Protein backbone atom coordinates (compact mmCIF):
# COMPACT_ATOMS: atom_id res chain seq x y z
CA MET A 1 71.87 93.21 30.15
CA ALA A 2 71.28 96.86 30.54
CA ASN A 3 68.30 98.57 29.32
CA LEU A 4 69.06 102.07 29.67
CA LYS A 5 71.27 103.99 27.37
CA GLN A 6 73.31 105.37 30.24
CA SER A 7 73.91 101.96 31.34
CA LYS A 8 75.18 100.43 28.05
CA LYS A 9 77.32 103.35 27.86
CA ARG A 10 78.80 102.81 31.35
CA ILE A 11 79.30 99.17 30.37
CA LYS A 12 81.16 100.09 27.31
CA GLN A 13 83.35 102.70 29.38
CA ASP A 14 84.14 100.14 32.02
CA LYS A 15 85.36 97.51 29.63
CA LYS A 16 87.89 100.18 27.98
CA LYS A 17 89.09 101.16 31.35
CA TYR A 18 89.47 97.48 32.47
CA LEU A 19 91.52 96.84 29.37
CA ARG A 20 93.56 99.73 29.91
CA ASN A 21 94.48 98.90 33.47
CA ARG A 22 95.37 95.47 32.59
CA ARG A 23 97.61 96.35 29.77
CA ASN A 24 99.47 98.83 32.13
CA VAL A 25 99.65 96.28 34.98
CA SER A 26 101.04 93.93 32.41
CA ARG A 27 103.66 96.52 31.14
CA VAL A 28 104.91 97.04 34.86
CA LYS A 29 104.93 93.34 35.56
CA THR A 30 107.16 92.61 32.45
CA PHE A 31 109.43 95.56 33.48
CA ILE A 32 109.75 93.96 37.02
CA LYS A 33 110.53 90.32 35.42
CA LYS A 34 113.30 91.95 33.24
CA PHE A 35 114.86 93.69 36.20
CA LEU A 36 114.71 90.39 38.18
CA VAL A 37 116.34 88.49 35.47
CA VAL A 38 119.20 91.22 35.20
CA LEU A 39 119.40 91.21 39.08
CA LYS A 40 120.25 87.38 39.10
CA SER A 41 122.59 87.97 35.99
CA LEU A 42 124.64 90.00 38.26
CA ASP A 43 125.33 92.57 35.35
CA ASN A 44 125.99 95.82 37.14
CA THR A 45 125.93 98.05 34.08
CA SER A 46 122.59 96.70 32.84
CA LEU A 47 121.30 96.79 36.59
CA LEU A 48 122.17 100.40 36.70
CA ASN A 49 120.44 101.28 33.38
CA ASP A 50 117.44 99.08 33.97
CA TYR A 51 116.39 100.27 37.48
CA PRO A 52 115.71 104.20 36.45
CA ILE A 53 113.34 102.66 33.77
CA LEU A 54 111.60 100.37 36.08
CA VAL A 55 111.16 103.32 38.55
CA SER A 56 109.63 105.53 35.87
CA GLU A 57 107.17 102.62 34.71
CA ILE A 58 106.10 102.39 38.13
CA ASP A 59 105.59 106.09 38.70
CA LYS A 60 103.91 106.30 35.52
CA SER A 61 101.37 103.53 36.61
CA VAL A 62 100.65 105.67 39.73
CA ARG A 63 99.82 108.78 37.50
CA ARG A 64 97.60 106.58 35.42
CA GLY A 65 95.65 105.46 38.43
CA VAL A 66 96.78 101.77 38.16
CA PHE A 67 98.77 101.75 41.25
CA HIS A 68 98.50 103.26 44.74
CA LYS A 69 101.26 105.47 45.71
CA ASN A 70 101.99 103.64 48.60
CA LYS A 71 102.32 100.33 46.54
CA ALA A 72 104.61 102.10 44.17
CA ASN A 73 106.75 103.42 46.89
CA ARG A 74 106.93 99.90 48.23
CA LEU A 75 108.02 98.54 45.08
CA LYS A 76 110.72 100.84 44.47
CA SER A 77 112.10 100.53 47.95
CA LEU A 78 112.08 96.69 47.62
CA PHE A 79 113.92 96.75 44.15
CA ASN A 80 116.50 99.39 45.58
CA LYS A 81 117.28 97.10 48.59
CA LYS A 82 117.87 94.22 46.10
CA MET A 83 119.99 96.36 43.85
CA LYS A 84 122.10 97.56 46.70
CA VAL A 85 122.81 93.98 47.87
CA VAL A 86 123.92 92.91 44.53
CA LEU A 87 126.13 95.97 44.09
CA GLY A 88 127.59 95.50 47.36
CA MET A 89 126.59 98.96 48.55
């Protein structure tokens, strides 16, 4: 256990930051899972509505510092390819 006041404060800050990051990662994963379910259902209208929401959430996670921008671009590219296959573009 930390003895210095600064160390105790740092531990509290790290815990808050960890929980905030976990919440944001979980939120993005939930949107990804929902998108994959819609992708398998082959519902084009839902697919076209959910894709921009998913991209928006991924971009927000980059701004929050949860994901690296290259990972976000990789995810968006992957889901875009999958969506195009389903839509037949």
